[in-house]
C-alpha atoms as a PDB file:
ATOM      1  CA  MET A   1      -9.259  36.080 -65.032  1.00  0.00           C
ATOM      2  CA  PRO A   2      -9.460  35.232 -61.274  1.00  0.00           C
ATOM      3  CA  LEU A   3      -7.479  37.245 -58.777  1.00  0.00           C
ATOM      4  CA  GLN A   4      -4.642  35.170 -57.261  1.00  0.00           C
ATOM      5  CA  THR A   5      -2.967  35.777 -53.929  1.00  0.00           C
ATOM      6  CA  PRO A   6       0.813  35.837 -54.055  1.00  0.00           C
ATOM      7  CA  PRO A   7       2.348  32.887 -52.105  1.00  0.00           C
ATOM      8  CA  VAL A   8       4.357  35.281 -49.928  1.00  0.00           C
ATOM      9  CA  LYS A   9       1.166  36.628 -48.291  1.00  0.00           C
ATOM     10  CA  LEU A  10       0.010  33.082 -47.377  1.00  0.00           C
ATOM     11  CA  LEU A  11       3.121  32.229 -45.355  1.00  0.00           C
ATOM     12  CA  PRO A  12       1.936  33.930 -42.117  1.00  0.00           C
ATOM     13  CA  LEU A  13      -1.387  32.060 -42.354  1.00  0.00           C
ATOM     14  CA  LEU A  14       0.370  28.739 -42.873  1.00  0.00           C
ATOM     15  CA  ALA A  15       2.590  29.323 -39.825  1.00  0.00           C
ATOM     16  CA  LEU A  16      -0.369  30.168 -37.541  1.00  0.00           C
ATOM     17  CA  PRO A  17      -1.272  26.557 -36.534  1.00  0.00           C
ATOM     18  CA  ALA A  18       2.332  25.816 -35.580  1.00  0.00           C
ATOM     19  CA  LEU A  19       2.553  28.966 -33.463  1.00  0.00           C
ATOM     20  CA  LEU A  20      -0.755  28.340 -31.685  1.00  0.00           C
ATOM     21  CA  GLY A  21       0.143  24.708 -30.991  1.00  0.00           C
ATOM     22  CA  SER A  22       3.355  25.699 -29.254  1.00  0.00           C
ATOM     23  CA  CYS A  23       1.410  27.807 -26.734  1.00  0.00           C
ATOM     24  CA  ALA A  24      -0.073  24.654 -25.218  1.00  0.00           C
ATOM     25  CA  ILE A  25       3.366  23.263 -24.393  1.00  0.00           C
ATOM     26  CA  GLY A  26       4.160  26.161 -22.082  1.00  0.00           C
ATOM     27  CA  ALA A  27       0.758  25.901 -20.391  1.00  0.00           C
ATOM     28  CA  TYR A  28       1.128  22.290 -19.177  1.00  0.00           C
ATOM     29  CA  PHE A  29      -0.192  21.659 -15.679  1.00  0.00           C
ATOM     30  CA  SER A  30       0.390  18.391 -13.862  1.00  0.00           C
ATOM     31  CA  PRO A  31      -2.840  16.512 -13.151  1.00  0.00           C
ATOM     32  CA  ILE A  32      -1.417  15.539  -9.749  1.00  0.00           C
ATOM     33  CA  SER A  33      -0.801  18.153  -7.042  1.00  0.00           C
ATOM     34  CA  ALA A  34       2.257  18.108  -4.795  1.00  0.00           C
ATOM     35  CA  LEU A  35       0.107  16.974  -1.858  1.00  0.00           C
ATOM     36  CA  GLU A  36      -1.397  14.123  -3.902  1.00  0.00           C
ATOM     37  CA  ARG A  37       2.078  13.042  -4.985  1.00  0.00           C
ATOM     38  CA  SER A  38       3.289  12.963  -1.359  1.00  0.00           C
ATOM     39  CA  VAL A  39       0.185  11.197   0.029  1.00  0.00           C
ATOM     40  CA  ASN A  40      -0.762   8.645  -2.645  1.00  0.00           C
ATOM     41  CA  GLY A  41       0.776   5.248  -2.076  1.00  0.00           C
ATOM     42  CA  LEU A  42       0.973   2.142   0.053  1.00  0.00           C
ATOM     43  CA  TYR A  43       0.798   2.306   3.858  1.00  0.00           C
ATOM     44  CA  GLU A  44       1.373  -0.479   6.378  1.00  0.00           C
ATOM     45  CA  GLY A  45       0.810  -0.581  10.092  1.00  0.00           C
ATOM     46  CA  GLU A  46      -1.330  -1.989  12.814  1.00  0.00           C
ATOM     47  CA  GLY A  47      -4.489  -1.508  14.755  1.00  0.00           C
ATOM     48  CA  ASN A  48      -4.586  -2.114  18.496  1.00  0.00           C
ATOM     49  CA  GLY A  49      -7.979  -2.779  20.029  1.00  0.00           C
ATOM     50  CA  VAL A  50     -10.415  -5.251  21.513  1.00  0.00           C
ATOM     51  CA  THR A  51      -8.973  -8.331  19.810  1.00  0.00           C
ATOM     52  CA  GLY A  52      -5.344  -7.279  20.224  1.00  0.00           C
ATOM     53  CA  ARG A  53      -2.894  -6.213  17.516  1.00  0.00           C
ATOM     54  CA  VAL A  54      -4.001  -6.568  13.882  1.00  0.00           C
ATOM     55  CA  PRO A  55      -1.640  -5.827  10.949  1.00  0.00           C
ATOM     56  CA  TYR A  56      -3.079  -3.831   8.019  1.00  0.00           C
ATOM     57  CA  ARG A  57      -2.078  -2.601   4.575  1.00  0.00           C
ATOM     58  CA  LEU A  58      -3.771   0.442   3.005  1.00  0.00           C
ATOM     59  CA  THR A  59      -3.464   1.626  -0.575  1.00  0.00           C
ATOM     60  CA  LEU A  60      -4.485   5.301  -0.530  1.00  0.00           C
ATOM     61  CA  THR A  61      -5.371   7.648  -3.399  1.00  0.00           C
ATOM     62  CA  LEU A  62      -6.170  11.316  -2.776  1.00  0.00           C
ATOM     63  CA  GLN A  63      -7.991  13.749  -5.090  1.00  0.00           C
ATOM     64  CA  GLU A  64      -7.208  17.040  -3.396  1.00  0.00           C
ATOM     65  CA  GLN A  65      -9.328  19.358  -5.532  1.00  0.00           C
ATOM     66  CA  ALA A  66     -12.436  17.196  -5.069  1.00  0.00           C
ATOM     67  CA  GLY A  67     -11.730  16.624  -1.367  1.00  0.00           C
ATOM     68  CA  ARG A  68     -12.056  12.856  -1.896  1.00  0.00           C
ATOM     69  CA  VAL A  69      -9.968   9.897  -0.901  1.00  0.00           C
ATOM     70  CA  SER A  70     -10.262   6.238  -1.877  1.00  0.00           C
ATOM     71  CA  GLY A  71      -8.403   3.093  -1.049  1.00  0.00           C
ATOM     72  CA  VAL A  72      -8.143  -0.604  -0.415  1.00  0.00           C
ATOM     73  CA  LEU A  73      -7.701  -1.886   3.136  1.00  0.00           C
ATOM     74  CA  THR A  74      -6.278  -5.371   3.667  1.00  0.00           C
ATOM     75  CA  ASN A  75      -6.318  -7.189   6.990  1.00  0.00           C
ATOM     76  CA  LEU A  76      -2.976  -9.010   6.752  1.00  0.00           C
ATOM     77  CA  GLU A  77      -4.031 -11.522   9.394  1.00  0.00           C
ATOM     78  CA  SER A  78      -7.320 -12.704   7.837  1.00  0.00           C
ATOM     79  CA  LYS A  79      -6.329 -11.728   4.249  1.00  0.00           C
ATOM     80  CA  LYS A  80      -9.705  -9.988   3.791  1.00  0.00           C
ATOM     81  CA  THR A  81      -9.790  -6.956   1.522  1.00  0.00           C
ATOM     82  CA  TYR A  82     -12.164  -3.989   1.719  1.00  0.00           C
ATOM     83  CA  THR A  83     -12.656  -1.117  -0.743  1.00  0.00           C
ATOM     84  CA  GLY A  84     -13.357   2.318   0.601  1.00  0.00           C
ATOM     85  CA  SER A  85     -13.887   5.961  -0.134  1.00  0.00           C
ATOM     86  CA  GLY A  86     -14.566   9.111   1.790  1.00  0.00           C
ATOM     87  CA  SER A  87     -13.653  12.714   2.379  1.00  0.00           C
ATOM     88  CA  PHE A  88     -10.390  14.572   2.823  1.00  0.00           C
ATOM     89  CA  ARG A  89      -9.988  17.930   4.566  1.00  0.00           C
ATOM     90  CA  ARG A  90      -6.722  19.813   4.408  1.00  0.00           C
ATOM     91  CA  THR A  91      -5.218  20.917   7.741  1.00  0.00           C
ATOM     92  CA  GLN A  92      -2.033  22.758   8.691  1.00  0.00           C
ATOM     93  CA  ALA A  93      -0.283  19.500   9.550  1.00  0.00           C
ATOM     94  CA  GLY A  94      -1.500  17.648   6.436  1.00  0.00           C
ATOM     95  CA  GLY A  95      -5.075  16.468   6.359  1.00  0.00           C
ATOM     96  CA  GLN A  96      -7.967  14.634   7.919  1.00  0.00           C
ATOM     97  CA  VAL A  97      -9.352  11.442   6.371  1.00  0.00           C
ATOM     98  CA  ASP A  98     -12.816   9.942   6.925  1.00  0.00           C
ATOM     99  CA  MET A  99     -13.444   6.738   4.977  1.00  0.00           C
ATOM    100  CA  ASN A 100     -15.998   3.921   4.913  1.00  0.00           C
ATOM    101  CA  PHE A 101     -14.918   0.436   3.800  1.00  0.00           C
ATOM    102  CA  PHE A 102     -17.096  -2.225   2.213  1.00  0.00           C
ATOM    103  CA  GLU A 103     -16.739  -5.935   1.629  1.00  0.00           C
ATOM    104  CA  ASN A 104     -17.832  -7.104  -1.837  1.00  0.00           C
ATOM    105  CA  GLY A 105     -18.814  -3.517  -2.627  1.00  0.00           C
ATOM    106  CA  ASN A 106     -22.015  -3.487  -0.572  1.00  0.00           C
ATOM    107  CA  ARG A 107     -21.427  -4.695   3.017  1.00  0.00           C
ATOM    108  CA  PHE A 108     -20.308  -1.882   5.331  1.00  0.00           C
ATOM    109  CA  ARG A 109     -17.439  -3.366   7.373  1.00  0.00           C
ATOM    110  CA  ALA A 110     -15.219  -0.590   8.763  1.00  0.00           C
ATOM    111  CA  ALA A 111     -14.597   3.137   9.017  1.00  0.00           C
ATOM    112  CA  ILE A 112     -11.373   5.093   9.404  1.00  0.00           C
ATOM    113  CA  HIS A 113     -11.219   8.524  11.026  1.00  0.00           C
ATOM    114  CA  ALA A 114      -7.572   9.594  10.951  1.00  0.00           C
ATOM    115  CA  ASP A 115      -5.072  12.407  10.625  1.00  0.00           C
ATOM    116  CA  LEU A 116      -2.513  12.418   7.854  1.00  0.00           C
ATOM    117  CA  SER A 117       0.809  14.075   8.617  1.00  0.00           C
ATOM    118  CA  GLY A 118       3.874  13.584   6.441  1.00  0.00           C
ATOM    119  CA  ASP A 119       4.077   9.875   5.703  1.00  0.00           C
ATOM    120  CA  THR A 120       2.023   8.784   8.739  1.00  0.00           C
ATOM    121  CA  LEU A 121      -1.694   8.073   9.114  1.00  0.00           C
ATOM    122  CA  THR A 122      -2.898   7.858  12.750  1.00  0.00           C
ATOM    123  CA  GLY A 123      -6.361   7.687  14.223  1.00  0.00           C
ATOM    124  CA  LYS A 124      -9.222   5.231  14.737  1.00  0.00           C
ATOM    125  CA  LEU A 125     -10.462   2.277  12.733  1.00  0.00           C
ATOM    126  CA  ARG A 126     -13.892   1.094  13.826  1.00  0.00           C
ATOM    127  CA  THR A 127     -15.158  -2.268  12.684  1.00  0.00           C
ATOM    128  CA  VAL A 128     -18.866  -2.531  11.963  1.00  0.00           C
ATOM    129  CA  LEU A 129     -21.371  -4.916  13.520  1.00  0.00           C
ATOM    130  CA  LEU A 130     -25.064  -4.770  12.565  1.00  0.00           C
ATOM    131  CA  GLY A 131     -24.495  -1.515  10.681  1.00  0.00           C
ATOM    132  CA  LYS A 132     -22.919   0.330  13.647  1.00  0.00           C
ATOM    133  CA  GLU A 133     -19.294   1.365  14.135  1.00  0.00           C
ATOM    134  CA  LEU A 134     -18.535  -0.511  17.333  1.00  0.00           C
ATOM    135  CA  PHE A 135     -15.122  -2.047  17.914  1.00  0.00           C
ATOM    136  CA  PRO A 136     -12.460   0.702  17.903  1.00  0.00           C
ATOM    137  CA  TYR A 137      -8.819   0.165  17.034  1.00  0.00           C
ATOM    138  CA  ASN A 138      -6.093   2.770  17.383  1.00  0.00           C
ATOM    139  CA  ILE A 139      -4.240   2.724  14.069  1.00  0.00           C
ATOM    140  CA  SER A 140      -0.815   3.890  13.030  1.00  0.00           C
ATOM    141  CA  PHE A 141       0.225   3.414   9.394  1.00  0.00           C
ATOM    142  CA  LYS A 142       3.516   4.418   7.763  1.00  0.00           C
ATOM    143  CA  LYS A 143       3.968   4.985   4.044  1.00  0.00           C
ATOM    144  CA  VAL A 144       6.108   2.217   2.545  1.00  0.00           C
ATOM    145  CA  ALA A 145       5.768   2.839  -1.226  1.00  0.00           C
ATOM    146  CA  GLU A 146       4.940   5.674  -3.593  1.00  0.00           C
ATOM    147  CA  GLY A 147       1.742   5.814  -5.621  1.00  0.00           C
ATOM    148  CA  ARG A 148       1.685   5.790  -9.411  1.00  0.00           C
ATOM    149  CA  GLU A 149       1.196   8.977 -11.354  1.00  0.00           C
END
């Protein structure tokens, strides 16, 4: 006759998966940091340079842990759109952004070197001619909409 375990001794083993599963609920960490939440979003502003004042829109996405930033820059005057990526370095005031922008994914068209402080991005946008960053524009962008989580 086989030895049978009384059902009362199996109850703790049956409850184990439920107890272990509840540990994960208390250990939830948001995939987005507070800095990412405050920075990610839509910025609008202008560049002032050689050809005068040019209005721009920038959609910015920061990955703080990786030190990366990506975005889409739109020249609101010509309606041309450029995709870009680059590096992000944290500073006391916020951060420093260095990005390169490409047209159609392969033609280097512009670079942004700017400081990010609060909801403002200020610095230089340099348009590219023959592969060189030549025509500088002083840029000032303000955040106008939050990013998605």
